PDB file of N, CA and C in Angstrom:
ATOM      1  N   MET A   1      -6.095 -62.196 121.175  1.00  0.00           N
ATOM      2  CA  MET A   1      -7.267 -63.045 121.088  1.00  0.00           C
ATOM      3  C   MET A   1      -8.532 -62.209 120.864  1.00  0.00           C
ATOM      4  N   VAL A   2      -8.688 -61.186 121.667  1.00  0.00           N
ATOM      5  CA  VAL A   2      -9.859 -60.321 121.539  1.00  0.00           C
ATOM      6  C   VAL A   2      -9.808 -59.573 120.206  1.00  0.00           C
ATOM      7  N   LEU A   3      -8.613 -59.121 119.819  1.00  0.00           N
ATOM      8  CA  LEU A   3      -8.457 -58.397 118.563  1.00  0.00           C
ATOM      9  C   LEU A   3      -8.819 -59.293 117.373  1.00  0.00           C
ATOM     10  N   ASN A   4      -8.356 -60.530 117.371  1.00  0.00           N
ATOM     11  CA  ASN A   4      -8.694 -61.462 116.290  1.00  0.00           C
ATOM     12  C   ASN A   4     -10.196 -61.704 116.209  1.00  0.00           C
ATOM     13  N   HIS A   5     -10.828 -61.832 117.347  1.00  0.00           N
ATOM     14  CA  HIS A   5     -12.272 -62.040 117.378  1.00  0.00           C
ATOM     15  C   HIS A   5     -12.999 -60.829 116.791  1.00  0.00           C
ATOM     16  N   GLU A   6     -12.566 -59.623 117.174  1.00  0.00           N
ATOM     17  CA  GLU A   6     -13.199 -58.404 116.662  1.00  0.00           C
ATOM     18  C   GLU A   6     -12.954 -58.223 115.162  1.00  0.00           C
ATOM     19  N   LEU A   7     -11.771 -58.560 114.703  1.00  0.00           N
ATOM     20  CA  LEU A   7     -11.488 -58.473 113.270  1.00  0.00           C
ATOM     21  C   LEU A   7     -12.373 -59.432 112.481  1.00  0.00           C
ATOM     22  N   HIS A   8     -12.513 -60.635 112.982  1.00  0.00           N
ATOM     23  CA  HIS A   8     -13.362 -61.621 112.311  1.00  0.00           C
ATOM     24  C   HIS A   8     -14.812 -61.145 112.290  1.00  0.00           C
ATOM     25  N   ARG A   9     -15.287 -60.656 113.415  1.00  0.00           N
ATOM     26  CA  ARG A   9     -16.664 -60.163 113.494  1.00  0.00           C
ATOM     27  C   ARG A   9     -16.880 -58.986 112.542  1.00  0.00           C
ATOM     28  N   TYR A  10     -15.923 -58.064 112.507  1.00  0.00           N
ATOM     29  CA  TYR A  10     -16.045 -56.882 111.656  1.00  0.00           C
ATOM     30  C   TYR A  10     -16.054 -57.263 110.176  1.00  0.00           C
ATOM     31  N   ASN A  11     -15.153 -58.155 109.781  1.00  0.00           N
ATOM     32  CA  ASN A  11     -15.009 -58.500 108.364  1.00  0.00           C
ATOM     33  C   ASN A  11     -16.010 -59.524 107.857  1.00  0.00           C
ATOM     34  N   HIS A  12     -16.494 -60.411 108.715  1.00  0.00           N
ATOM     35  CA  HIS A  12     -17.299 -61.537 108.227  1.00  0.00           C
ATOM     36  C   HIS A  12     -18.722 -61.594 108.766  1.00  0.00           C
ATOM     37  N   GLN A  13     -19.071 -60.736 109.712  1.00  0.00           N
ATOM     38  CA  GLN A  13     -20.415 -60.797 110.266  1.00  0.00           C
ATOM     39  C   GLN A  13     -21.141 -59.455 110.221  1.00  0.00           C
ATOM     40  N   ARG A  14     -20.421 -58.389 110.390  1.00  0.00           N
ATOM     41  CA  ARG A  14     -21.029 -57.066 110.480  1.00  0.00           C
ATOM     42  C   ARG A  14     -21.461 -56.560 109.100  1.00  0.00           C
ATOM     43  N   LEU A  15     -22.556 -55.823 109.067  1.00  0.00           N
ATOM     44  CA  LEU A  15     -23.065 -55.259 107.822  1.00  0.00           C
ATOM     45  C   LEU A  15     -22.531 -53.848 107.625  1.00  0.00           C
ATOM     46  N   HIS A  16     -22.243 -53.535 106.382  1.00  0.00           N
ATOM     47  CA  HIS A  16     -21.838 -52.174 106.030  1.00  0.00           C
ATOM     48  C   HIS A  16     -23.051 -51.273 106.193  1.00  0.00           C
ATOM     49  N   SER A  17     -22.852 -50.101 106.798  1.00  0.00           N
ATOM     50  CA  SER A  17     -23.993 -49.259 107.155  1.00  0.00           C
ATOM     51  C   SER A  17     -24.749 -48.716 105.937  1.00  0.00           C
ATOM     52  N   THR A  18     -24.069 -48.471 104.837  1.00  0.00           N
ATOM     53  CA  THR A  18     -24.727 -47.894 103.671  1.00  0.00           C
ATOM     54  C   THR A  18     -25.255 -48.969 102.726  1.00  0.00           C
ATOM     55  N   THR A  19     -24.431 -49.936 102.408  1.00  0.00           N
ATOM     56  CA  THR A  19     -24.811 -50.942 101.410  1.00  0.00           C
ATOM     57  C   THR A  19     -25.526 -52.145 102.000  1.00  0.00           C
ATOM     58  N   GLN A  20     -25.483 -52.278 103.320  1.00  0.00           N
ATOM     59  CA  GLN A  20     -26.103 -53.416 104.018  1.00  0.00           C
ATOM     60  C   GLN A  20     -25.534 -54.756 103.531  1.00  0.00           C
ATOM     61  N   GLU A  21     -24.230 -54.765 103.255  1.00  0.00           N
ATOM     62  CA  GLU A  21     -23.542 -55.988 102.857  1.00  0.00           C
ATOM     63  C   GLU A  21     -22.467 -56.312 103.885  1.00  0.00           C
ATOM     64  N   ILE A  22     -22.109 -57.575 103.970  1.00  0.00           N
ATOM     65  CA  ILE A  22     -20.996 -57.981 104.831  1.00  0.00           C
ATOM     66  C   ILE A  22     -19.698 -57.508 104.176  1.00  0.00           C
ATOM     67  N   HIS A  23     -18.787 -56.968 104.989  1.00  0.00           N
ATOM     68  CA  HIS A  23     -17.577 -56.326 104.474  1.00  0.00           C
ATOM     69  C   HIS A  23     -16.757 -57.225 103.550  1.00  0.00           C
ATOM     70  N   SER A  24     -16.476 -58.439 103.958  1.00  0.00           N
ATOM     71  CA  SER A  24     -15.634 -59.318 103.135  1.00  0.00           C
ATOM     72  C   SER A  24     -16.324 -59.683 101.822  1.00  0.00           C
ATOM     73  N   LEU A  25     -17.639 -59.901 101.852  1.00  0.00           N
ATOM     74  CA  LEU A  25     -18.368 -60.219 100.624  1.00  0.00           C
ATOM     75  C   LEU A  25     -18.417 -59.007  99.690  1.00  0.00           C
ATOM     76  N   ARG A  26     -18.571 -57.829 100.282  1.00  0.00           N
ATOM     77  CA  ARG A  26     -18.580 -56.596  99.486  1.00  0.00           C
ATOM     78  C   ARG A  26     -17.223 -56.400  98.804  1.00  0.00           C
ATOM     79  N   PHE A  27     -16.146 -56.657  99.534  1.00  0.00           N
ATOM     80  CA  PHE A  27     -14.810 -56.508  98.963  1.00  0.00           C
ATOM     81  C   PHE A  27     -14.582 -57.518  97.837  1.00  0.00           C
ATOM     82  N   GLN A  28     -14.996 -58.762  98.026  1.00  0.00           N
ATOM     83  CA  GLN A  28     -14.845 -59.778  96.981  1.00  0.00           C
ATOM     84  C   GLN A  28     -15.644 -59.410  95.729  1.00  0.00           C
ATOM     85  N   ARG A  29     -16.827 -58.849  95.931  1.00  0.00           N
ATOM     86  CA  ARG A  29     -17.653 -58.436  94.794  1.00  0.00           C
ATOM     87  C   ARG A  29     -16.986 -57.310  94.009  1.00  0.00           C
ATOM     88  N   THR A  30     -16.422 -56.319  94.706  1.00  0.00           N
ATOM     89  CA  THR A  30     -15.757 -55.219  94.003  1.00  0.00           C
ATOM     90  C   THR A  30     -14.516 -55.703  93.264  1.00  0.00           C
ATOM     91  N   LEU A  31     -13.813 -56.691  93.821  1.00  0.00           N
ATOM     92  CA  LEU A  31     -12.669 -57.256  93.100  1.00  0.00           C
ATOM     93  C   LEU A  31     -13.121 -57.942  91.819  1.00  0.00           C
ATOM     94  N   LYS A  32     -14.213 -58.705  91.915  1.00  0.00           N
ATOM     95  CA  LYS A  32     -14.738 -59.411  90.750  1.00  0.00           C
ATOM     96  C   LYS A  32     -15.201 -58.454  89.661  1.00  0.00           C
ATOM     97  N   GLU A  33     -15.825 -57.353  90.071  1.00  0.00           N
ATOM     98  CA  GLU A  33     -16.341 -56.369  89.122  1.00  0.00           C
ATOM     99  C   GLU A  33     -15.284 -55.348  88.705  1.00  0.00           C
ATOM    100  N   ASN A  34     -14.068 -55.511  89.188  1.00  0.00           N
ATOM    101  CA  ASN A  34     -12.936 -54.634  88.870  1.00  0.00           C
ATOM    102  C   ASN A  34     -13.217 -53.188  89.258  1.00  0.00           C
ATOM    103  N   GLN A  35     -13.889 -52.980  90.401  1.00  0.00           N
ATOM    104  CA  GLN A  35     -14.189 -51.645  90.894  1.00  0.00           C
ATOM    105  C   GLN A  35     -13.332 -51.269  92.096  1.00  0.00           C
ATOM    106  N   SER A  36     -12.433 -52.145  92.489  1.00  0.00           N
ATOM    107  CA  SER A  36     -11.570 -51.877  93.628  1.00  0.00           C
ATOM    108  C   SER A  36     -10.432 -50.949  93.223  1.00  0.00           C
ATOM    109  N   LEU A  37      -9.970 -50.153  94.163  1.00  0.00           N
ATOM    110  CA  LEU A  37      -8.823 -49.289  93.909  1.00  0.00           C
ATOM    111  C   LEU A  37      -7.501 -50.028  94.107  1.00  0.00           C
ATOM    112  N   PHE A  38      -7.538 -51.244  94.622  1.00  0.00           N
ATOM    113  CA  PHE A  38      -6.332 -52.048  94.786  1.00  0.00           C
ATOM    114  C   PHE A  38      -5.908 -52.587  93.424  1.00  0.00           C
ATOM    115  N   ARG A  39      -4.651 -52.366  93.077  1.00  0.00           N
ATOM    116  CA  ARG A  39      -4.123 -52.844  91.806  1.00  0.00           C
ATOM    117  C   ARG A  39      -2.858 -53.657  92.057  1.00  0.00           C
ATOM    118  N   GLU A  40      -2.586 -54.581  91.185  1.00  0.00           N
ATOM    119  CA  GLU A  40      -1.357 -55.357  91.280  1.00  0.00           C
ATOM    120  C   GLU A  40      -0.182 -54.441  90.957  1.00  0.00           C
ATOM    121  N   PHE A  41       0.895 -54.575  91.738  1.00  0.00           N
ATOM    122  CA  PHE A  41       2.065 -53.741  91.514  1.00  0.00           C
ATOM    123  C   PHE A  41       2.824 -54.255  90.296  1.00  0.00           C
ATOM    124  N   THR A  42       2.987 -53.385  89.305  1.00  0.00           N
ATOM    125  CA  THR A  42       3.745 -53.743  88.110  1.00  0.00           C
ATOM    126  C   THR A  42       4.756 -52.639  87.833  1.00  0.00           C
ATOM    127  N   ILE A  43       5.873 -53.030  87.262  1.00  0.00           N
ATOM    128  CA  ILE A  43       6.916 -52.076  86.895  1.00  0.00           C
ATOM    129  C   ILE A  43       6.712 -51.723  85.436  1.00  0.00           C
ATOM    130  N   LYS A  44       6.459 -50.462  85.201  1.00  0.00           N
ATOM    131  CA  LYS A  44       6.180 -50.005  83.836  1.00  0.00           C
ATOM    132  C   LYS A  44       7.483 -49.738  83.087  1.00  0.00           C
ATOM    133  N   PRO A  45       7.529 -50.077  81.798  1.00  0.00           N
ATOM    134  CA  PRO A  45       8.727 -49.790  81.005  1.00  0.00           C
ATOM    135  C   PRO A  45       8.971 -48.284  80.947  1.00  0.00           C
ATOM    136  N   PRO A  46      10.167 -47.829  80.877  1.00  0.00           N
ATOM    137  CA  PRO A  46      11.419 -48.530  80.611  1.00  0.00           C
ATOM    138  C   PRO A  46      12.091 -49.071  81.855  1.00  0.00           C
ATOM    139  N   TYR A  47      11.499 -48.868  83.039  1.00  0.00           N
ATOM    140  CA  TYR A  47      12.159 -49.294  84.268  1.00  0.00           C
ATOM    141  C   TYR A  47      12.162 -50.805  84.374  1.00  0.00           C
ATOM    142  N   GLN A  48      13.225 -51.331  85.011  1.00  0.00           N
ATOM    143  CA  GLN A  48      13.449 -52.770  85.000  1.00  0.00           C
ATOM    144  C   GLN A  48      13.287 -53.420  86.364  1.00  0.00           C
ATOM    145  N   SER A  49      13.465 -52.659  87.446  1.00  0.00           N
ATOM    146  CA  SER A  49      13.356 -53.256  88.775  1.00  0.00           C
ATOM    147  C   SER A  49      12.818 -52.217  89.757  1.00  0.00           C
ATOM    148  N   VAL A  50      12.576 -52.688  90.955  1.00  0.00           N
ATOM    149  CA  VAL A  50      12.083 -51.821  92.022  1.00  0.00           C
ATOM    150  C   VAL A  50      13.130 -50.769  92.369  1.00  0.00           C
ATOM    151  N   LYS A  51      14.404 -51.103  92.154  1.00  0.00           N
ATOM    152  CA  LYS A  51      15.490 -50.168  92.442  1.00  0.00           C
ATOM    153  C   LYS A  51      15.405 -48.915  91.571  1.00  0.00           C
ATOM    154  N   ASP A  52      14.790 -49.012  90.419  1.00  0.00           N
ATOM    155  CA  ASP A  52      14.647 -47.858  89.532  1.00  0.00           C
ATOM    156  C   ASP A  52      13.501 -46.935  89.952  1.00  0.00           C
ATOM    157  N   ILE A  53      12.621 -47.423  90.799  1.00  0.00           N
ATOM    158  CA  ILE A  53      11.448 -46.648  91.200  1.00  0.00           C
ATOM    159  C   ILE A  53      11.625 -46.060  92.603  1.00  0.00           C
ATOM    160  N   PHE A  54      12.010 -46.904  93.557  1.00  0.00           N
ATOM    161  CA  PHE A  54      12.175 -46.471  94.942  1.00  0.00           C
ATOM    162  C   PHE A  54      13.637 -46.129  95.183  1.00  0.00           C
ATOM    163  N   CYS A  55      14.030 -44.917  94.790  1.00  0.00           N
ATOM    164  CA  CYS A  55      15.431 -44.511  94.856  1.00  0.00           C
ATOM    165  C   CYS A  55      15.519 -42.992  94.950  1.00  0.00           C
ATOM    166  N   PHE A  56      16.749 -42.514  95.164  1.00  0.00           N
ATOM    167  CA  PHE A  56      17.014 -41.081  95.105  1.00  0.00           C
ATOM    168  C   PHE A  56      17.319 -40.737  93.656  1.00  0.00           C
ATOM    169  N   ARG A  57      16.888 -39.565  93.219  1.00  0.00           N
ATOM    170  CA  ARG A  57      17.086 -39.178  91.817  1.00  0.00           C
ATOM    171  C   ARG A  57      17.752 -37.817  91.740  1.00  0.00           C
ATOM    172  N   MET A  58      18.604 -37.661  90.735  1.00  0.00           N
ATOM    173  CA  MET A  58      19.196 -36.362  90.454  1.00  0.00           C
ATOM    174  C   MET A  58      19.629 -36.309  89.001  1.00  0.00           C
ATOM    175  N   ASP A  59      19.727 -35.112  88.475  1.00  0.00           N
ATOM    176  CA  ASP A  59      20.177 -34.898  87.105  1.00  0.00           C
ATOM    177  C   ASP A  59      21.577 -34.306  87.138  1.00  0.00           C
ATOM    178  N   LYS A  60      22.427 -34.793  86.253  1.00  0.00           N
ATOM    179  CA  LYS A  60      23.797 -34.303  86.127  1.00  0.00           C
ATOM    180  C   LYS A  60      24.130 -34.151  84.651  1.00  0.00           C
ATOM    181  N   THR A  61      25.059 -33.230  84.355  1.00  0.00           N
ATOM    182  CA  THR A  61      25.517 -33.015  82.984  1.00  0.00           C
ATOM    183  C   THR A  61      26.869 -33.695  82.804  1.00  0.00           C
ATOM    184  N   ILE A  62      27.017 -34.418  81.701  1.00  0.00           N
ATOM    185  CA  ILE A  62      28.264 -35.131  81.398  1.00  0.00           C
ATOM    186  C   ILE A  62      29.314 -34.114  80.949  1.00  0.00           C
ATOM    187  N   ASP A  63      30.523 -34.207  81.524  1.00  0.00           N
ATOM    188  CA  ASP A  63      31.601 -33.304  81.107  1.00  0.00           C
ATOM    189  C   ASP A  63      32.283 -33.856  79.846  1.00  0.00           C
ATOM    190  N   PRO A  64      33.216 -33.113  79.235  1.00  0.00           N
ATOM    191  CA  PRO A  64      33.861 -33.573  77.995  1.00  0.00           C
ATOM    192  C   PRO A  64      34.643 -34.888  78.135  1.00  0.00           C
ATOM    193  N   TYR A  65      34.963 -35.279  79.364  1.00  0.00           N
ATOM    194  CA  TYR A  65      35.696 -36.537  79.577  1.00  0.00           C
ATOM    195  C   TYR A  65      34.769 -37.696  79.924  1.00  0.00           C
ATOM    196  N   ARG A  66      33.481 -37.508  79.701  1.00  0.00           N
ATOM    197  CA  ARG A  66      32.440 -38.502  80.007  1.00  0.00           C
ATOM    198  C   ARG A  66      32.418 -38.860  81.496  1.00  0.00           C
ATOM    199  N   ARG A  67      32.483 -37.838  82.327  1.00  0.00           N
ATOM    200  CA  ARG A  67      32.446 -38.027  83.773  1.00  0.00           C
ATOM    201  C   ARG A  67      31.411 -37.080  84.379  1.00  0.00           C
ATOM    202  N   ILE A  68      30.982 -37.452  85.578  1.00  0.00           N
ATOM    203  CA  ILE A  68      30.147 -36.567  86.387  1.00  0.00           C
ATOM    204  C   ILE A  68      30.801 -36.480  87.757  1.00  0.00           C
ATOM    205  N   SER A  69      30.411 -35.478  88.523  1.00  0.00           N
ATOM    206  CA  SER A  69      30.972 -35.287  89.852  1.00  0.00           C
ATOM    207  C   SER A  69      29.840 -35.205  90.868  1.00  0.00           C
ATOM    208  N   ILE A  70      29.976 -36.013  91.932  1.00  0.00           N
ATOM    209  CA  ILE A  70      29.023 -35.982  93.046  1.00  0.00           C
ATOM    210  C   ILE A  70      29.848 -35.829  94.317  1.00  0.00           C
ATOM    211  N   ASN A  71      29.718 -34.690  94.981  1.00  0.00           N
ATOM    212  CA  ASN A  71      30.476 -34.407  96.214  1.00  0.00           C
ATOM    213  C   ASN A  71      31.975 -34.676  96.037  1.00  0.00           C
ATOM    214  N   ASN A  72      32.572 -34.136  94.999  1.00  0.00           N
ATOM    215  CA  ASN A  72      33.994 -34.282  94.665  1.00  0.00           C
ATOM    216  C   ASN A  72      34.400 -35.720  94.336  1.00  0.00           C
ATOM    217  N   LEU A  73      33.455 -36.581  94.076  1.00  0.00           N
ATOM    218  CA  LEU A  73      33.738 -37.948  93.637  1.00  0.00           C
ATOM    219  C   LEU A  73      33.464 -38.005  92.137  1.00  0.00           C
ATOM    220  N   GLN A  74      34.504 -38.299  91.363  1.00  0.00           N
ATOM    221  CA  GLN A  74      34.381 -38.363  89.909  1.00  0.00           C
ATOM    222  C   GLN A  74      33.936 -39.768  89.503  1.00  0.00           C
ATOM    223  N   LEU A  75      32.875 -39.854  88.703  1.00  0.00           N
ATOM    224  CA  LEU A  75      32.374 -41.128  88.197  1.00  0.00           C
ATOM    225  C   LEU A  75      32.396 -41.103  86.675  1.00  0.00           C
ATOM    226  N   GLU A  76      32.970 -42.130  86.086  1.00  0.00           N
ATOM    227  CA  GLU A  76      32.994 -42.229  84.631  1.00  0.00           C
ATOM    228  C   GLU A  76      31.714 -42.902  84.162  1.00  0.00           C
ATOM    229  N   VAL A  77      31.123 -42.351  83.115  1.00  0.00           N
ATOM    230  CA  VAL A  77      29.861 -42.870  82.594  1.00  0.00           C
ATOM    231  C   VAL A  77      30.107 -43.393  81.187  1.00  0.00           C
ATOM    232  N   ASN A  78      30.038 -44.698  81.027  1.00  0.00           N
ATOM    233  CA  ASN A  78      30.213 -45.304  79.707  1.00  0.00           C
ATOM    234  C   ASN A  78      28.978 -45.047  78.844  1.00  0.00           C
ATOM    235  N   HIS A  79      29.160 -44.979  77.543  1.00  0.00           N
ATOM    236  CA  HIS A  79      28.075 -44.832  76.562  1.00  0.00           C
ATOM    237  C   HIS A  79      27.306 -43.531  76.726  1.00  0.00           C
ATOM    238  N   ALA A  80      27.959 -42.491  77.257  1.00  0.00           N
ATOM    239  CA  ALA A  80      27.289 -41.201  77.445  1.00  0.00           C
ATOM    240  C   ALA A  80      27.824 -40.182  76.450  1.00  0.00           C
ATOM    241  N   THR A  81      26.990 -39.240  76.094  1.00  0.00           N
ATOM    242  CA  THR A  81      27.374 -38.173  75.181  1.00  0.00           C
ATOM    243  C   THR A  81      27.732 -36.939  76.003  1.00  0.00           C
ATOM    244  N   PRO A  82      28.963 -36.410  75.830  1.00  0.00           N
ATOM    245  CA  PRO A  82      29.351 -35.213  76.594  1.00  0.00           C
ATOM    246  C   PRO A  82      28.405 -34.046  76.331  1.00  0.00           C
ATOM    247  N   GLY A  83      28.115 -33.304  77.386  1.00  0.00           N
ATOM    248  CA  GLY A  83      27.233 -32.145  77.288  1.00  0.00           C
ATOM    249  C   GLY A  83      25.767 -32.455  77.505  1.00  0.00           C
ATOM    250  N   LYS A  84      25.398 -33.702  77.486  1.00  0.00           N
ATOM    251  CA  LYS A  84      23.997 -34.087  77.692  1.00  0.00           C
ATOM    252  C   LYS A  84      23.715 -34.259  79.180  1.00  0.00           C
ATOM    253  N   THR A  85      22.462 -34.071  79.549  1.00  0.00           N
ATOM    254  CA  THR A  85      22.037 -34.254  80.935  1.00  0.00           C
ATOM    255  C   THR A  85      21.482 -35.663  81.093  1.00  0.00           C
ATOM    256  N   ILE A  86      21.982 -36.369  82.113  1.00  0.00           N
ATOM    257  CA  ILE A  86      21.498 -37.710  82.393  1.00  0.00           C
ATOM    258  C   ILE A  86      20.807 -37.723  83.751  1.00  0.00           C
ATOM    259  N   ASN A  87      19.996 -38.719  83.960  1.00  0.00           N
ATOM    260  CA  ASN A  87      19.269 -38.897  85.208  1.00  0.00           C
ATOM    261  C   ASN A  87      19.958 -39.993  86.004  1.00  0.00           C
ATOM    262  N   LEU A  88      20.318 -39.703  87.248  1.00  0.00           N
ATOM    263  CA  LEU A  88      20.918 -40.697  88.132  1.00  0.00           C
ATOM    264  C   LEU A  88      19.849 -41.225  89.067  1.00  0.00           C
ATOM    265  N   ARG A  89      19.818 -42.519  89.234  1.00  0.00           N
ATOM    266  CA  ARG A  89      18.915 -43.154  90.187  1.00  0.00           C
ATOM    267  C   ARG A  89      19.791 -43.901  91.176  1.00  0.00           C
ATOM    268  N   ILE A  90      19.799 -43.426  92.420  1.00  0.00           N
ATOM    269  CA  ILE A  90      20.708 -43.933  93.445  1.00  0.00           C
ATOM    270  C   ILE A  90      19.908 -44.778  94.421  1.00  0.00           C
ATOM    271  N   TYR A  91      20.267 -46.077  94.480  1.00  0.00           N
ATOM    272  CA  TYR A  91      19.591 -47.013  95.368  1.00  0.00           C
ATOM    273  C   TYR A  91      20.567 -47.422  96.464  1.00  0.00           C
ATOM    274  N   PRO A  92      20.324 -46.995  97.723  1.00  0.00           N
ATOM    275  CA  PRO A  92      21.257 -47.360  98.801  1.00  0.00           C
ATOM    276  C   PRO A  92      21.081 -48.816  99.218  1.00  0.00           C
ATOM    277  N   SER A  93      22.150 -49.607  99.045  1.00  0.00           N
ATOM    278  CA  SER A  93      22.124 -51.016  99.449  1.00  0.00           C
ATOM    279  C   SER A  93      22.379 -51.141 100.948  1.00  0.00           C
ATOM    280  N   THR A  94      23.434 -50.476 101.415  1.00  0.00           N
ATOM    281  CA  THR A  94      23.761 -50.423 102.846  1.00  0.00           C
ATOM    282  C   THR A  94      24.048 -48.975 103.188  1.00  0.00           C
ATOM    283  N   ASN A  95      24.538 -48.728 104.399  1.00  0.00           N
ATOM    284  CA  ASN A  95      24.887 -47.360 104.789  1.00  0.00           C
ATOM    285  C   ASN A  95      26.084 -46.838 104.006  1.00  0.00           C
ATOM    286  N   GLU A  96      26.931 -47.735 103.500  1.00  0.00           N
ATOM    287  CA  GLU A  96      28.155 -47.313 102.818  1.00  0.00           C
ATOM    288  C   GLU A  96      28.153 -47.571 101.317  1.00  0.00           C
ATOM    289  N   ILE A  97      27.262 -48.417 100.832  1.00  0.00           N
ATOM    290  CA  ILE A  97      27.273 -48.810  99.421  1.00  0.00           C
ATOM    291  C   ILE A  97      25.931 -48.456  98.777  1.00  0.00           C
ATOM    292  N   SER A  98      26.018 -47.858  97.594  1.00  0.00           N
ATOM    293  CA  SER A  98      24.815 -47.524  96.825  1.00  0.00           C
ATOM    294  C   SER A  98      25.001 -47.965  95.383  1.00  0.00           C
ATOM    295  N   GLU A  99      23.908 -48.340  94.766  1.00  0.00           N
ATOM    296  CA  GLU A  99      23.934 -48.686  93.339  1.00  0.00           C
ATOM    297  C   GLU A  99      23.402 -47.482  92.567  1.00  0.00           C
ATOM    298  N   ILE A 100      24.177 -47.036  91.570  1.00  0.00           N
ATOM    299  CA  ILE A 100      23.794 -45.872  90.778  1.00  0.00           C
ATOM    300  C   ILE A 100      23.500 -46.314  89.352  1.00  0.00           C
ATOM    301  N   SER A 101      22.306 -46.017  88.879  1.00  0.00           N
ATOM    302  CA  SER A 101      21.924 -46.295  87.495  1.00  0.00           C
ATOM    303  C   SER A 101      21.906 -44.980  86.731  1.00  0.00           C
ATOM    304  N   PHE A 102      22.462 -44.986  85.539  1.00  0.00           N
ATOM    305  CA  PHE A 102      22.512 -43.792  84.698  1.00  0.00           C
ATOM    306  C   PHE A 102      21.509 -43.961  83.563  1.00  0.00           C
ATOM    307  N   TRP A 103      20.564 -43.030  83.480  1.00  0.00           N
ATOM    308  CA  TRP A 103      19.499 -43.081  82.476  1.00  0.00           C
ATOM    309  C   TRP A 103      19.600 -41.863  81.576  1.00  0.00           C
ATOM    310  N   PHE A 104      19.452 -42.085  80.277  1.00  0.00           N
ATOM    311  CA  PHE A 104      19.402 -40.985  79.316  1.00  0.00           C
ATOM    312  C   PHE A 104      18.309 -41.258  78.302  1.00  0.00           C
ATOM    313  N   ASP A 105      17.416 -40.315  78.162  1.00  0.00           N
ATOM    314  CA  ASP A 105      16.342 -40.400  77.173  1.00  0.00           C
ATOM    315  C   ASP A 105      15.501 -41.670  77.347  1.00  0.00           C
ATOM    316  N   GLY A 106      15.215 -42.036  78.612  1.00  0.00           N
ATOM    317  CA  GLY A 106      14.387 -43.195  78.895  1.00  0.00           C
ATOM    318  C   GLY A 106      15.075 -44.533  78.722  1.00  0.00           C
ATOM    319  N   LYS A 107      16.400 -44.543  78.614  1.00  0.00           N
ATOM    320  CA  LYS A 107      17.149 -45.793  78.427  1.00  0.00           C
ATOM    321  C   LYS A 107      18.259 -45.891  79.465  1.00  0.00           C
ATOM    322  N   LEU A 108      18.463 -47.089  79.966  1.00  0.00           N
ATOM    323  CA  LEU A 108      19.542 -47.358  80.899  1.00  0.00           C
ATOM    324  C   LEU A 108      20.854 -47.414  80.118  1.00  0.00           C
ATOM    325  N   ILE A 109      21.814 -46.541  80.465  1.00  0.00           N
ATOM    326  CA  ILE A 109      23.074 -46.532  79.711  1.00  0.00           C
ATOM    327  C   ILE A 109      24.230 -47.095  80.510  1.00  0.00           C
ATOM    328  N   ASP A 110      24.142 -47.115  81.844  1.00  0.00           N
ATOM    329  CA  ASP A 110      25.247 -47.651  82.642  1.00  0.00           C
ATOM    330  C   ASP A 110      24.765 -47.857  84.081  1.00  0.00           C
ATOM    331  N   VAL A 111      25.464 -48.740  84.796  1.00  0.00           N
ATOM    332  CA  VAL A 111      25.208 -48.979  86.211  1.00  0.00           C
ATOM    333  C   VAL A 111      26.529 -48.910  86.939  1.00  0.00           C
TER     334      VAL A 111
END
């Protein structure tokens, strides 16, 4: 109760010491003038989802059989060129299951 009252007072009644403006009105003005550092979260191409951004990443080289090895686990990579280095993006779904996306030259080649 006291915290809510103080938050309301701080944001809607108190003046900013330098600009002499009320905090909430000052924030609304900066949003209108596009001077705020807050930006809408957007996923930039070529990435397609949040899983491609917030993940573990590593680079691996494709062997002649179109496979890679991670901790003695062999994974086959479709649509890959042997000898090329691909980027793996590992998104852990649970403690035991992870989704692995294979990227080459800025393009998603397999999941």
